[in-house]
Amino acid sequence: MNTDTQDFAHRIEITPNGRRCRVIHQGVTYADTHASLTVVESGLPAVHYFPRADVNMARLQRSIHVSHCQHLGDATHYHLLTEDGPVENAAWSYEQPTADAARIKGYLAFHASRVDRIDETS
């Protein structure tokens, strides 16, 4: 299969999510919003992106780790600051996303495996 076909087959869907979404770790709420964006990428589970205004940024510390996604751009990562020490690279943000993902600029997402819960309720 050539690269053009693979790119055509890859889909990114970004939709507003009016449900309440929260990130909770060790009993502390790190993010709480009714204004998240849900990103669904081909072959991957849905990810909630939280507006910075609804994230406790005082509990995050920018990491030196950067990752790249050809479909979304370069991701800046953040450590989650807890009472027991940092949870490394628990969150990420695309500061300059690709044109297809421009809506997620200014939003943060959290690794579900590095926090206790990411809740979505009515």
PDB file of N, CA and C in Angstrom:
ATOM      1  N   MET A   1       0.852  -1.181   0.000  1.00  0.00           N
ATOM      2  CA  MET A   1       0.000   0.000   0.000  1.00  0.00           C
ATOM      3  C   MET A   1       0.892   1.235   0.000  1.00  0.00           C
ATOM      4  N   ASN A   2       0.603   2.221  -0.825  1.00  0.00           N
ATOM      5  CA  ASN A   2       1.453   3.409  -0.849  1.00  0.00           C
ATOM      6  C   ASN A   2       1.043   4.401   0.231  1.00  0.00           C
ATOM      7  N   THR A   3       1.908   5.371   0.472  1.00  0.00           N
ATOM      8  CA  THR A   3       1.695   6.335   1.552  1.00  0.00           C
ATOM      9  C   THR A   3       0.421   7.149   1.348  1.00  0.00           C
ATOM     10  N   ASP A   4       0.140   7.534   0.091  1.00  0.00           N
ATOM     11  CA  ASP A   4      -1.057   8.328  -0.172  1.00  0.00           C
ATOM     12  C   ASP A   4      -2.323   7.585   0.249  1.00  0.00           C
ATOM     13  N   THR A   5      -2.376   6.287  -0.029  1.00  0.00           N
ATOM     14  CA  THR A   5      -3.536   5.495   0.350  1.00  0.00           C
ATOM     15  C   THR A   5      -3.648   5.409   1.871  1.00  0.00           C
ATOM     16  N   GLN A   6      -2.515   5.218   2.548  1.00  0.00           N
ATOM     17  CA  GLN A   6      -2.542   5.150   4.003  1.00  0.00           C
ATOM     18  C   GLN A   6      -3.026   6.467   4.593  1.00  0.00           C
ATOM     19  N   ASP A   7      -2.545   7.601   4.078  1.00  0.00           N
ATOM     20  CA  ASP A   7      -2.977   8.902   4.593  1.00  0.00           C
ATOM     21  C   ASP A   7      -4.459   9.115   4.344  1.00  0.00           C
ATOM     22  N   PHE A   8      -4.945   8.689   3.164  1.00  0.00           N
ATOM     23  CA  PHE A   8      -6.362   8.843   2.849  1.00  0.00           C
ATOM     24  C   PHE A   8      -7.213   8.022   3.810  1.00  0.00           C
ATOM     25  N   ALA A   9      -6.727   6.834   4.163  1.00  0.00           N
ATOM     26  CA  ALA A   9      -7.482   5.956   5.043  1.00  0.00           C
ATOM     27  C   ALA A   9      -7.476   6.438   6.496  1.00  0.00           C
ATOM     28  N   HIS A  10      -6.486   7.233   6.877  1.00  0.00           N
ATOM     29  CA  HIS A  10      -6.399   7.726   8.253  1.00  0.00           C
ATOM     30  C   HIS A  10      -7.395   8.859   8.437  1.00  0.00           C
ATOM     31  N   ARG A  11      -8.224   8.734   9.459  1.00  0.00           N
ATOM     32  CA  ARG A  11      -9.233   9.761   9.721  1.00  0.00           C
ATOM     33  C   ARG A  11      -9.050  10.340  11.108  1.00  0.00           C
ATOM     34  N   ILE A  12      -9.295  11.626  11.214  1.00  0.00           N
ATOM     35  CA  ILE A  12      -9.318  12.312  12.500  1.00  0.00           C
ATOM     36  C   ILE A  12     -10.662  13.022  12.585  1.00  0.00           C
ATOM     37  N   GLU A  13     -11.388  12.723  13.643  1.00  0.00           N
ATOM     38  CA  GLU A  13     -12.669  13.375  13.864  1.00  0.00           C
ATOM     39  C   GLU A  13     -12.596  14.117  15.192  1.00  0.00           C
ATOM     40  N   ILE A  14     -12.845  15.425  15.164  1.00  0.00           N
ATOM     41  CA  ILE A  14     -12.806  16.256  16.371  1.00  0.00           C
ATOM     42  C   ILE A  14     -14.204  16.819  16.576  1.00  0.00           C
ATOM     43  N   THR A  15     -14.815  16.456  17.708  1.00  0.00           N
ATOM     44  CA  THR A  15     -16.175  16.910  17.964  1.00  0.00           C
ATOM     45  C   THR A  15     -16.287  17.538  19.352  1.00  0.00           C
ATOM     46  N   PRO A  16     -17.097  18.584  19.482  1.00  0.00           N
ATOM     47  CA  PRO A  16     -17.347  19.161  20.813  1.00  0.00           C
ATOM     48  C   PRO A  16     -18.078  18.134  21.679  1.00  0.00           C
ATOM     49  N   ASN A  17     -17.739  18.128  22.959  1.00  0.00           N
ATOM     50  CA  ASN A  17     -18.356  17.202  23.897  1.00  0.00           C
ATOM     51  C   ASN A  17     -18.928  18.028  25.048  1.00  0.00           C
ATOM     52  N   GLY A  18     -20.232  18.163  25.091  1.00  0.00           N
ATOM     53  CA  GLY A  18     -20.882  18.967  26.120  1.00  0.00           C
ATOM     54  C   GLY A  18     -21.095  18.243  27.437  1.00  0.00           C
ATOM     55  N   ARG A  19     -20.685  16.980  27.502  1.00  0.00           N
ATOM     56  CA  ARG A  19     -20.832  16.233  28.752  1.00  0.00           C
ATOM     57  C   ARG A  19     -19.731  16.657  29.719  1.00  0.00           C
ATOM     58  N   ARG A  20     -19.944  16.399  30.992  1.00  0.00           N
ATOM     59  CA  ARG A  20     -18.927  16.733  31.990  1.00  0.00           C
ATOM     60  C   ARG A  20     -17.794  15.714  31.916  1.00  0.00           C
ATOM     61  N   CYS A  21     -16.582  16.199  31.713  1.00  0.00           N
ATOM     62  CA  CYS A  21     -15.394  15.350  31.669  1.00  0.00           C
ATOM     63  C   CYS A  21     -14.432  15.821  32.750  1.00  0.00           C
ATOM     64  N   ARG A  22     -13.885  14.849  33.500  1.00  0.00           N
ATOM     65  CA  ARG A  22     -12.965  15.180  34.587  1.00  0.00           C
ATOM     66  C   ARG A  22     -11.780  14.237  34.575  1.00  0.00           C
ATOM     67  N   VAL A  23     -10.647  14.759  35.028  1.00  0.00           N
ATOM     68  CA  VAL A  23      -9.449  13.957  35.255  1.00  0.00           C
ATOM     69  C   VAL A  23      -9.197  13.980  36.754  1.00  0.00           C
ATOM     70  N   ILE A  24      -9.157  12.779  37.358  1.00  0.00           N
ATOM     71  CA  ILE A  24      -8.978  12.661  38.808  1.00  0.00           C
ATOM     72  C   ILE A  24      -7.820  11.708  39.070  1.00  0.00           C
ATOM     73  N   HIS A  25      -6.911  12.145  39.940  1.00  0.00           N
ATOM     74  CA  HIS A  25      -5.783  11.292  40.317  1.00  0.00           C
ATOM     75  C   HIS A  25      -5.502  11.490  41.799  1.00  0.00           C
ATOM     76  N   GLN A  26      -5.444  10.398  42.539  1.00  0.00           N
ATOM     77  CA  GLN A  26      -5.215  10.420  43.988  1.00  0.00           C
ATOM     78  C   GLN A  26      -6.202  11.344  44.702  1.00  0.00           C
ATOM     79  N   GLY A  27      -7.445  11.329  44.242  1.00  0.00           N
ATOM     80  CA  GLY A  27      -8.493  12.121  44.866  1.00  0.00           C
ATOM     81  C   GLY A  27      -8.502  13.597  44.500  1.00  0.00           C
ATOM     82  N   VAL A  28      -7.566  14.025  43.664  1.00  0.00           N
ATOM     83  CA  VAL A  28      -7.477  15.431  43.251  1.00  0.00           C
ATOM     84  C   VAL A  28      -8.007  15.571  41.827  1.00  0.00           C
ATOM     85  N   THR A  29      -8.858  16.571  41.606  1.00  0.00           N
ATOM     86  CA  THR A  29      -9.362  16.848  40.266  1.00  0.00           C
ATOM     87  C   THR A  29      -8.384  17.771  39.554  1.00  0.00           C
ATOM     88  N   TYR A  30      -7.832  17.299  38.453  1.00  0.00           N
ATOM     89  CA  TYR A  30      -6.857  18.060  37.672  1.00  0.00           C
ATOM     90  C   TYR A  30      -7.496  18.797  36.507  1.00  0.00           C
ATOM     91  N   ALA A  31      -8.637  18.309  36.054  1.00  0.00           N
ATOM     92  CA  ALA A  31      -9.365  18.969  34.973  1.00  0.00           C
ATOM     93  C   ALA A  31     -10.842  18.667  35.143  1.00  0.00           C
ATOM     94  N   ASP A  32     -11.677  19.666  34.837  1.00  0.00           N
ATOM     95  CA  ASP A  32     -13.124  19.517  34.990  1.00  0.00           C
ATOM     96  C   ASP A  32     -13.782  20.473  34.007  1.00  0.00           C
ATOM     97  N   THR A  33     -14.515  19.940  33.043  1.00  0.00           N
ATOM     98  CA  THR A  33     -15.086  20.795  32.007  1.00  0.00           C
ATOM     99  C   THR A  33     -16.372  20.229  31.427  1.00  0.00           C
ATOM    100  N   HIS A  34     -17.143  21.112  30.839  1.00  0.00           N
ATOM    101  CA  HIS A  34     -18.278  20.759  29.980  1.00  0.00           C
ATOM    102  C   HIS A  34     -17.967  21.186  28.546  1.00  0.00           C
ATOM    103  N   ALA A  35     -16.703  21.498  28.268  1.00  0.00           N
ATOM    104  CA  ALA A  35     -16.311  22.041  26.961  1.00  0.00           C
ATOM    105  C   ALA A  35     -15.120  21.305  26.354  1.00  0.00           C
ATOM    106  N   SER A  36     -15.058  19.998  26.577  1.00  0.00           N
ATOM    107  CA  SER A  36     -13.944  19.248  25.985  1.00  0.00           C
ATOM    108  C   SER A  36     -14.198  18.999  24.507  1.00  0.00           C
ATOM    109  N   LEU A  37     -13.133  18.621  23.834  1.00  0.00           N
ATOM    110  CA  LEU A  37     -13.224  18.137  22.465  1.00  0.00           C
ATOM    111  C   LEU A  37     -12.852  16.664  22.497  1.00  0.00           C
ATOM    112  N   THR A  38     -13.604  15.845  21.801  1.00  0.00           N
ATOM    113  CA  THR A  38     -13.287  14.431  21.713  1.00  0.00           C
ATOM    114  C   THR A  38     -12.644  14.181  20.355  1.00  0.00           C
ATOM    115  N   VAL A  39     -11.448  13.583  20.400  1.00  0.00           N
ATOM    116  CA  VAL A  39     -10.703  13.295  19.179  1.00  0.00           C
ATOM    117  C   VAL A  39     -10.714  11.790  18.964  1.00  0.00           C
ATOM    118  N   VAL A  40     -11.185  11.391  17.796  1.00  0.00           N
ATOM    119  CA  VAL A  40     -11.170   9.991  17.404  1.00  0.00           C
ATOM    120  C   VAL A  40     -10.285   9.889  16.173  1.00  0.00           C
ATOM    121  N   GLU A  41      -9.227   9.081  16.323  1.00  0.00           N
ATOM    122  CA  GLU A  41      -8.287   8.843  15.240  1.00  0.00           C
ATOM    123  C   GLU A  41      -8.398   7.399  14.813  1.00  0.00           C
ATOM    124  N   SER A  42      -8.240   7.144  13.541  1.00  0.00           N
ATOM    125  CA  SER A  42      -8.328   5.774  13.024  1.00  0.00           C
ATOM    126  C   SER A  42      -7.518   4.806  13.872  1.00  0.00           C
ATOM    127  N   GLY A  43      -8.182   3.744  14.342  1.00  0.00           N
ATOM    128  CA  GLY A  43      -7.503   2.682  15.058  1.00  0.00           C
ATOM    129  C   GLY A  43      -7.127   2.977  16.501  1.00  0.00           C
ATOM    130  N   LEU A  44      -7.515   4.134  17.025  1.00  0.00           N
ATOM    131  CA  LEU A  44      -7.145   4.512  18.394  1.00  0.00           C
ATOM    132  C   LEU A  44      -8.401   4.799  19.214  1.00  0.00           C
ATOM    133  N   PRO A  45      -8.323   4.639  20.552  1.00  0.00           N
ATOM    134  CA  PRO A  45      -9.482   4.991  21.379  1.00  0.00           C
ATOM    135  C   PRO A  45      -9.708   6.503  21.384  1.00  0.00           C
ATOM    136  N   ALA A  46     -10.927   6.909  21.652  1.00  0.00           N
ATOM    137  CA  ALA A  46     -11.265   8.334  21.741  1.00  0.00           C
ATOM    138  C   ALA A  46     -10.474   8.981  22.871  1.00  0.00           C
ATOM    139  N   VAL A  47     -10.074  10.238  22.663  1.00  0.00           N
ATOM    140  CA  VAL A  47      -9.313  10.997  23.659  1.00  0.00           C
ATOM    141  C   VAL A  47     -10.030  12.324  23.898  1.00  0.00           C
ATOM    142  N   HIS A  48     -10.211  12.674  25.176  1.00  0.00           N
ATOM    143  CA  HIS A  48     -10.818  13.954  25.539  1.00  0.00           C
ATOM    144  C   HIS A  48      -9.713  14.997  25.679  1.00  0.00           C
ATOM    145  N   TYR A  49      -9.891  16.124  25.023  1.00  0.00           N
ATOM    146  CA  TYR A  49      -8.976  17.256  25.137  1.00  0.00           C
ATOM    147  C   TYR A  49      -9.689  18.338  25.933  1.00  0.00           C
ATOM    148  N   PHE A  50      -9.003  18.840  26.965  1.00  0.00           N
ATOM    149  CA  PHE A  50      -9.578  19.798  27.907  1.00  0.00           C
ATOM    150  C   PHE A  50      -9.059  21.200  27.623  1.00  0.00           C
ATOM    151  N   PRO A  51      -9.955  22.212  27.614  1.00  0.00           N
ATOM    152  CA  PRO A  51      -9.458  23.586  27.466  1.00  0.00           C
ATOM    153  C   PRO A  51      -8.574  23.951  28.661  1.00  0.00           C
ATOM    154  N   ARG A  52      -7.492  24.672  28.407  1.00  0.00           N
ATOM    155  CA  ARG A  52      -6.562  25.042  29.483  1.00  0.00           C
ATOM    156  C   ARG A  52      -7.259  25.757  30.634  1.00  0.00           C
ATOM    157  N   ALA A  53      -8.271  26.537  30.322  1.00  0.00           N
ATOM    158  CA  ALA A  53      -8.985  27.273  31.366  1.00  0.00           C
ATOM    159  C   ALA A  53      -9.638  26.337  32.378  1.00  0.00           C
ATOM    160  N   ASP A  54      -9.874  25.080  31.984  1.00  0.00           N
ATOM    161  CA  ASP A  54     -10.535  24.119  32.858  1.00  0.00           C
ATOM    162  C   ASP A  54      -9.571  23.057  33.404  1.00  0.00           C
ATOM    163  N   VAL A  55      -8.274  23.324  33.274  1.00  0.00           N
ATOM    164  CA  VAL A  55      -7.228  22.431  33.796  1.00  0.00           C
ATOM    165  C   VAL A  55      -6.479  23.167  34.897  1.00  0.00           C
ATOM    166  N   ASN A  56      -6.189  22.491  35.986  1.00  0.00           N
ATOM    167  CA  ASN A  56      -5.412  23.095  37.068  1.00  0.00           C
ATOM    168  C   ASN A  56      -3.936  23.102  36.647  1.00  0.00           C
ATOM    169  N   MET A  57      -3.545  24.136  35.898  1.00  0.00           N
ATOM    170  CA  MET A  57      -2.195  24.216  35.335  1.00  0.00           C
ATOM    171  C   MET A  57      -1.128  24.338  36.421  1.00  0.00           C
ATOM    172  N   ALA A  58      -1.509  24.787  37.630  1.00  0.00           N
ATOM    173  CA  ALA A  58      -0.549  24.864  38.738  1.00  0.00           C
ATOM    174  C   ALA A  58      -0.089  23.469  39.160  1.00  0.00           C
ATOM    175  N   ARG A  59      -0.862  22.439  38.797  1.00  0.00           N
ATOM    176  CA  ARG A  59      -0.527  21.056  39.139  1.00  0.00           C
ATOM    177  C   ARG A  59       0.185  20.327  38.004  1.00  0.00           C
ATOM    178  N   LEU A  60       0.543  21.059  36.939  1.00  0.00           N
ATOM    179  CA  LEU A  60       1.273  20.480  35.817  1.00  0.00           C
ATOM    180  C   LEU A  60       2.617  21.182  35.662  1.00  0.00           C
ATOM    181  N   GLN A  61       3.600  20.432  35.225  1.00  0.00           N
ATOM    182  CA  GLN A  61       4.931  20.990  34.973  1.00  0.00           C
ATOM    183  C   GLN A  61       5.360  20.545  33.579  1.00  0.00           C
ATOM    184  N   ARG A  62       5.745  21.509  32.770  1.00  0.00           N
ATOM    185  CA  ARG A  62       6.162  21.192  31.404  1.00  0.00           C
ATOM    186  C   ARG A  62       7.381  20.273  31.423  1.00  0.00           C
ATOM    187  N   SER A  63       7.330  19.256  30.603  1.00  0.00           N
ATOM    188  CA  SER A  63       8.396  18.268  30.469  1.00  0.00           C
ATOM    189  C   SER A  63       9.308  18.661  29.306  1.00  0.00           C
ATOM    190  N   ILE A  64      10.489  18.089  29.262  1.00  0.00           N
ATOM    191  CA  ILE A  64      11.354  18.315  28.098  1.00  0.00           C
ATOM    192  C   ILE A  64      11.001  17.343  26.972  1.00  0.00           C
ATOM    193  N   HIS A  65      10.131  16.375  27.267  1.00  0.00           N
ATOM    194  CA  HIS A  65       9.741  15.364  26.279  1.00  0.00           C
ATOM    195  C   HIS A  65       8.816  15.968  25.225  1.00  0.00           C
ATOM    196  N   VAL A  66       9.125  15.697  23.968  1.00  0.00           N
ATOM    197  CA  VAL A  66       8.287  16.108  22.838  1.00  0.00           C
ATOM    198  C   VAL A  66       8.080  14.873  21.970  1.00  0.00           C
ATOM    199  N   SER A  67       6.882  14.685  21.485  1.00  0.00           N
ATOM    200  CA  SER A  67       6.617  13.578  20.567  1.00  0.00           C
ATOM    201  C   SER A  67       6.005  14.142  19.291  1.00  0.00           C
ATOM    202  N   HIS A  68       6.010  13.333  18.250  1.00  0.00           N
ATOM    203  CA  HIS A  68       5.498  13.790  16.960  1.00  0.00           C
ATOM    204  C   HIS A  68       4.451  12.818  16.424  1.00  0.00           C
ATOM    205  N   CYS A  69       3.371  13.373  15.939  1.00  0.00           N
ATOM    206  CA  CYS A  69       2.335  12.627  15.236  1.00  0.00           C
ATOM    207  C   CYS A  69       2.179  13.279  13.873  1.00  0.00           C
ATOM    208  N   GLN A  70       2.327  12.508  12.826  1.00  0.00           N
ATOM    209  CA  GLN A  70       2.266  13.101  11.490  1.00  0.00           C
ATOM    210  C   GLN A  70       0.906  13.714  11.192  1.00  0.00           C
ATOM    211  N   HIS A  71      -0.135  13.278  11.911  1.00  0.00           N
ATOM    212  CA  HIS A  71      -1.481  13.775  11.650  1.00  0.00           C
ATOM    213  C   HIS A  71      -1.891  14.940  12.552  1.00  0.00           C
ATOM    214  N   LEU A  72      -1.245  15.065  13.725  1.00  0.00           N
ATOM    215  CA  LEU A  72      -1.619  16.117  14.668  1.00  0.00           C
ATOM    216  C   LEU A  72      -0.523  17.151  14.882  1.00  0.00           C
ATOM    217  N   GLY A  73       0.736  16.765  14.751  1.00  0.00           N
ATOM    218  CA  GLY A  73       1.848  17.704  14.948  1.00  0.00           C
ATOM    219  C   GLY A  73       2.772  17.271  16.066  1.00  0.00           C
ATOM    220  N   ASP A  74       3.508  18.233  16.622  1.00  0.00           N
ATOM    221  CA  ASP A  74       4.435  17.977  17.727  1.00  0.00           C
ATOM    222  C   ASP A  74       3.729  18.229  19.048  1.00  0.00           C
ATOM    223  N   ALA A  75       3.823  17.260  19.949  1.00  0.00           N
ATOM    224  CA  ALA A  75       3.153  17.360  21.245  1.00  0.00           C
ATOM    225  C   ALA A  75       4.150  17.729  22.335  1.00  0.00           C
ATOM    226  N   THR A  76       3.780  18.720  23.133  1.00  0.00           N
ATOM    227  CA  THR A  76       4.512  19.090  24.337  1.00  0.00           C
ATOM    228  C   THR A  76       3.899  18.293  25.483  1.00  0.00           C
ATOM    229  N   HIS A  77       4.733  17.719  26.334  1.00  0.00           N
ATOM    230  CA  HIS A  77       4.234  16.879  27.422  1.00  0.00           C
ATOM    231  C   HIS A  77       4.382  17.580  28.773  1.00  0.00           C
ATOM    232  N   TYR A  78       3.578  17.119  29.728  1.00  0.00           N
ATOM    233  CA  TYR A  78       3.546  17.702  31.068  1.00  0.00           C
ATOM    234  C   TYR A  78       3.545  16.604  32.119  1.00  0.00           C
ATOM    235  N   HIS A  79       4.276  16.869  33.211  1.00  0.00           N
ATOM    236  CA  HIS A  79       4.245  15.991  34.382  1.00  0.00           C
ATOM    237  C   HIS A  79       3.074  16.436  35.261  1.00  0.00           C
ATOM    238  N   LEU A  80       2.415  15.476  35.856  1.00  0.00           N
ATOM    239  CA  LEU A  80       1.353  15.744  36.814  1.00  0.00           C
ATOM    240  C   LEU A  80       2.006  15.833  38.187  1.00  0.00           C
ATOM    241  N   LEU A  81       1.837  16.945  38.880  1.00  0.00           N
ATOM    242  CA  LEU A  81       2.458  17.134  40.186  1.00  0.00           C
ATOM    243  C   LEU A  81       1.506  16.635  41.268  1.00  0.00           C
ATOM    244  N   THR A  82       1.949  15.593  41.990  1.00  0.00           N
ATOM    245  CA  THR A  82       1.126  15.003  43.041  1.00  0.00           C
ATOM    246  C   THR A  82       1.855  15.109  44.373  1.00  0.00           C
ATOM    247  N   GLU A  83       1.156  14.776  45.438  1.00  0.00           N
ATOM    248  CA  GLU A  83       1.754  14.791  46.774  1.00  0.00           C
ATOM    249  C   GLU A  83       2.874  13.751  46.886  1.00  0.00           C
ATOM    250  N   ASP A  84       2.797  12.701  46.065  1.00  0.00           N
ATOM    251  CA  ASP A  84       3.795  11.627  46.101  1.00  0.00           C
ATOM    252  C   ASP A  84       4.909  11.807  45.071  1.00  0.00           C
ATOM    253  N   GLY A  85       4.946  12.953  44.409  1.00  0.00           N
ATOM    254  CA  GLY A  85       5.943  13.194  43.372  1.00  0.00           C
ATOM    255  C   GLY A  85       5.293  13.242  42.008  1.00  0.00           C
ATOM    256  N   PRO A  86       6.068  13.580  40.992  1.00  0.00           N
ATOM    257  CA  PRO A  86       5.491  13.759  39.660  1.00  0.00           C
ATOM    258  C   PRO A  86       5.116  12.442  38.982  1.00  0.00           C
ATOM    259  N   VAL A  87       4.055  12.495  38.211  1.00  0.00           N
ATOM    260  CA  VAL A  87       3.697  11.417  37.292  1.00  0.00           C
ATOM    261  C   VAL A  87       4.192  11.906  35.937  1.00  0.00           C
ATOM    262  N   GLU A  88       5.252  11.286  35.459  1.00  0.00           N
ATOM    263  CA  GLU A  88       5.943  11.799  34.279  1.00  0.00           C
ATOM    264  C   GLU A  88       5.101  11.708  33.009  1.00  0.00           C
ATOM    265  N   ASN A  89       5.138  12.795  32.263  1.00  0.00           N
ATOM    266  CA  ASN A  89       4.506  12.873  30.938  1.00  0.00           C
ATOM    267  C   ASN A  89       3.068  12.352  30.947  1.00  0.00           C
ATOM    268  N   ALA A  90       2.296  12.793  31.916  1.00  0.00           N
ATOM    269  CA  ALA A  90       0.918  12.330  32.074  1.00  0.00           C
ATOM    270  C   ALA A  90      -0.061  13.065  31.163  1.00  0.00           C
ATOM    271  N   ALA A  91       0.347  14.219  30.654  1.00  0.00           N
ATOM    272  CA  ALA A  91      -0.541  15.008  29.799  1.00  0.00           C
ATOM    273  C   ALA A  91       0.249  15.533  28.609  1.00  0.00           C
ATOM    274  N   TRP A  92      -0.484  15.933  27.583  1.00  0.00           N
ATOM    275  CA  TRP A  92       0.180  16.505  26.418  1.00  0.00           C
ATOM    276  C   TRP A  92      -0.718  17.540  25.758  1.00  0.00           C
ATOM    277  N   SER A  93      -0.077  18.368  24.940  1.00  0.00           N
ATOM    278  CA  SER A  93      -0.772  19.426  24.228  1.00  0.00           C
ATOM    279  C   SER A  93      -0.084  19.666  22.895  1.00  0.00           C
ATOM    280  N   TYR A  94      -0.864  19.953  21.881  1.00  0.00           N
ATOM    281  CA  TYR A  94      -0.311  20.329  20.580  1.00  0.00           C
ATOM    282  C   TYR A  94      -0.346  21.846  20.496  1.00  0.00           C
ATOM    283  N   GLU A  95       0.816  22.482  20.695  1.00  0.00           N
ATOM    284  CA  GLU A  95       0.892  23.942  20.701  1.00  0.00           C
ATOM    285  C   GLU A  95       0.698  24.513  19.296  1.00  0.00           C
ATOM    286  N   GLN A  96       1.191  23.798  18.294  1.00  0.00           N
ATOM    287  CA  GLN A  96       1.043  24.194  16.892  1.00  0.00           C
ATOM    288  C   GLN A  96       0.552  22.976  16.100  1.00  0.00           C
ATOM    289  N   PRO A  97      -0.705  22.607  16.265  1.00  0.00           N
ATOM    290  CA  PRO A  97      -1.204  21.415  15.580  1.00  0.00           C
ATOM    291  C   PRO A  97      -1.244  21.601  14.061  1.00  0.00           C
ATOM    292  N   THR A  98      -1.374  20.494  13.361  1.00  0.00           N
ATOM    293  CA  THR A  98      -1.523  20.552  11.911  1.00  0.00           C
ATOM    294  C   THR A  98      -2.832  21.264  11.579  1.00  0.00           C
ATOM    295  N   ALA A  99      -2.993  21.640  10.329  1.00  0.00           N
ATOM    296  CA  ALA A  99      -4.210  22.330   9.892  1.00  0.00           C
ATOM    297  C   ALA A  99      -5.453  21.475  10.158  1.00  0.00           C
ATOM    298  N   ASP A 100      -5.341  20.162   9.958  1.00  0.00           N
ATOM    299  CA  ASP A 100      -6.484  19.269  10.177  1.00  0.00           C
ATOM    300  C   ASP A 100      -6.886  19.180  11.645  1.00  0.00           C
ATOM    301  N   ALA A 101      -5.961  19.493  12.543  1.00  0.00           N
ATOM    302  CA  ALA A 101      -6.228  19.368  13.977  1.00  0.00           C
ATOM    303  C   ALA A 101      -6.215  20.725  14.683  1.00  0.00           C
ATOM    304  N   ALA A 102      -6.351  21.799  13.942  1.00  0.00           N
ATOM    305  CA  ALA A 102      -6.231  23.154  14.503  1.00  0.00           C
ATOM    306  C   ALA A 102      -7.160  23.401  15.689  1.00  0.00           C
ATOM    307  N   ARG A 103      -8.284  22.720  15.739  1.00  0.00           N
ATOM    308  CA  ARG A 103      -9.256  22.943  16.825  1.00  0.00           C
ATOM    309  C   ARG A 103      -8.727  22.556  18.201  1.00  0.00           C
ATOM    310  N   ILE A 104      -7.693  21.693  18.271  1.00  0.00           N
ATOM    311  CA  ILE A 104      -7.200  21.261  19.581  1.00  0.00           C
ATOM    312  C   ILE A 104      -6.101  22.166  20.134  1.00  0.00           C
ATOM    313  N   LYS A 105      -5.752  23.205  19.411  1.00  0.00           N
ATOM    314  CA  LYS A 105      -4.755  24.151  19.928  1.00  0.00           C
ATOM    315  C   LYS A 105      -5.290  24.775  21.214  1.00  0.00           C
ATOM    316  N   GLY A 106      -4.460  24.803  22.254  1.00  0.00           N
ATOM    317  CA  GLY A 106      -4.882  25.365  23.534  1.00  0.00           C
ATOM    318  C   GLY A 106      -5.587  24.361  24.432  1.00  0.00           C
ATOM    319  N   TYR A 107      -5.650  23.115  24.015  1.00  0.00           N
ATOM    320  CA  TYR A 107      -6.279  22.052  24.801  1.00  0.00           C
ATOM    321  C   TYR A 107      -5.220  21.067  25.278  1.00  0.00           C
ATOM    322  N   LEU A 108      -5.511  20.361  26.370  1.00  0.00           N
ATOM    323  CA  LEU A 108      -4.620  19.321  26.884  1.00  0.00           C
ATOM    324  C   LEU A 108      -5.372  18.002  26.987  1.00  0.00           C
ATOM    325  N   ALA A 109      -4.629  16.917  26.797  1.00  0.00           N
ATOM    326  CA  ALA A 109      -5.175  15.570  26.972  1.00  0.00           C
ATOM    327  C   ALA A 109      -4.330  14.847  28.014  1.00  0.00           C
ATOM    328  N   PHE A 110      -4.901  13.822  28.609  1.00  0.00           N
ATOM    329  CA  PHE A 110      -4.231  13.063  29.660  1.00  0.00           C
ATOM    330  C   PHE A 110      -4.170  11.589  29.270  1.00  0.00           C
ATOM    331  N   HIS A 111      -3.044  10.949  29.580  1.00  0.00           N
ATOM    332  CA  HIS A 111      -2.907   9.514  29.359  1.00  0.00           C
ATOM    333  C   HIS A 111      -3.773   8.785  30.375  1.00  0.00           C
ATOM    334  N   ALA A 112      -4.734   8.023  29.908  1.00  0.00           N
ATOM    335  CA  ALA A 112      -5.625   7.285  30.807  1.00  0.00           C
ATOM    336  C   ALA A 112      -4.851   6.308  31.688  1.00  0.00           C
ATOM    337  N   SER A 113      -3.722   5.817  31.204  1.00  0.00           N
ATOM    338  CA  SER A 113      -2.937   4.851  31.978  1.00  0.00           C
ATOM    339  C   SER A 113      -2.092   5.500  33.070  1.00  0.00           C
ATOM    340  N   ARG A 114      -2.017   6.828  33.087  1.00  0.00           N
ATOM    341  CA  ARG A 114      -1.161   7.510  34.067  1.00  0.00           C
ATOM    342  C   ARG A 114      -1.949   8.299  35.114  1.00  0.00           C
ATOM    343  N   VAL A 115      -3.267   8.266  35.003  1.00  0.00           N
ATOM    344  CA  VAL A 115      -4.123   8.900  36.011  1.00  0.00           C
ATOM    345  C   VAL A 115      -5.127   7.856  36.491  1.00  0.00           C
ATOM    346  N   ASP A 116      -5.735   8.112  37.649  1.00  0.00           N
ATOM    347  CA  ASP A 116      -6.670   7.147  38.198  1.00  0.00           C
ATOM    348  C   ASP A 116      -7.953   7.048  37.375  1.00  0.00           C
ATOM    349  N   ARG A 117      -8.487   8.219  36.945  1.00  0.00           N
ATOM    350  CA  ARG A 117      -9.772   8.209  36.235  1.00  0.00           C
ATOM    351  C   ARG A 117      -9.861   9.378  35.260  1.00  0.00           C
ATOM    352  N   ILE A 118     -10.480   9.108  34.147  1.00  0.00           N
ATOM    353  CA  ILE A 118     -10.975  10.164  33.262  1.00  0.00           C
ATOM    354  C   ILE A 118     -12.448   9.855  33.109  1.00  0.00           C
ATOM    355  N   ASP A 119     -13.271  10.668  33.774  1.00  0.00           N
ATOM    356  CA  ASP A 119     -14.718  10.430  33.808  1.00  0.00           C
ATOM    357  C   ASP A 119     -15.431  11.244  32.743  1.00  0.00           C
ATOM    358  N   GLU A 120     -16.484  10.664  32.202  1.00  0.00           N
ATOM    359  CA  GLU A 120     -17.399  11.379  31.313  1.00  0.00           C
ATOM    360  C   GLU A 120     -18.803  11.078  31.814  1.00  0.00           C
ATOM    361  N   THR A 121     -19.494  12.109  32.280  1.00  0.00           N
ATOM    362  CA  THR A 121     -20.838  11.949  32.817  1.00  0.00           C
ATOM    363  C   THR A 121     -21.758  12.941  32.143  1.00  0.00           C
ATOM    364  N   SER A 122     -23.055  12.827  32.445  1.00  0.00           N
ATOM    365  CA  SER A 122     -24.034  13.730  31.824  1.00  0.00           C
ATOM    366  C   SER A 122     -23.987  15.113  32.427  1.00  0.00           C
TER     367      SER A 122
END
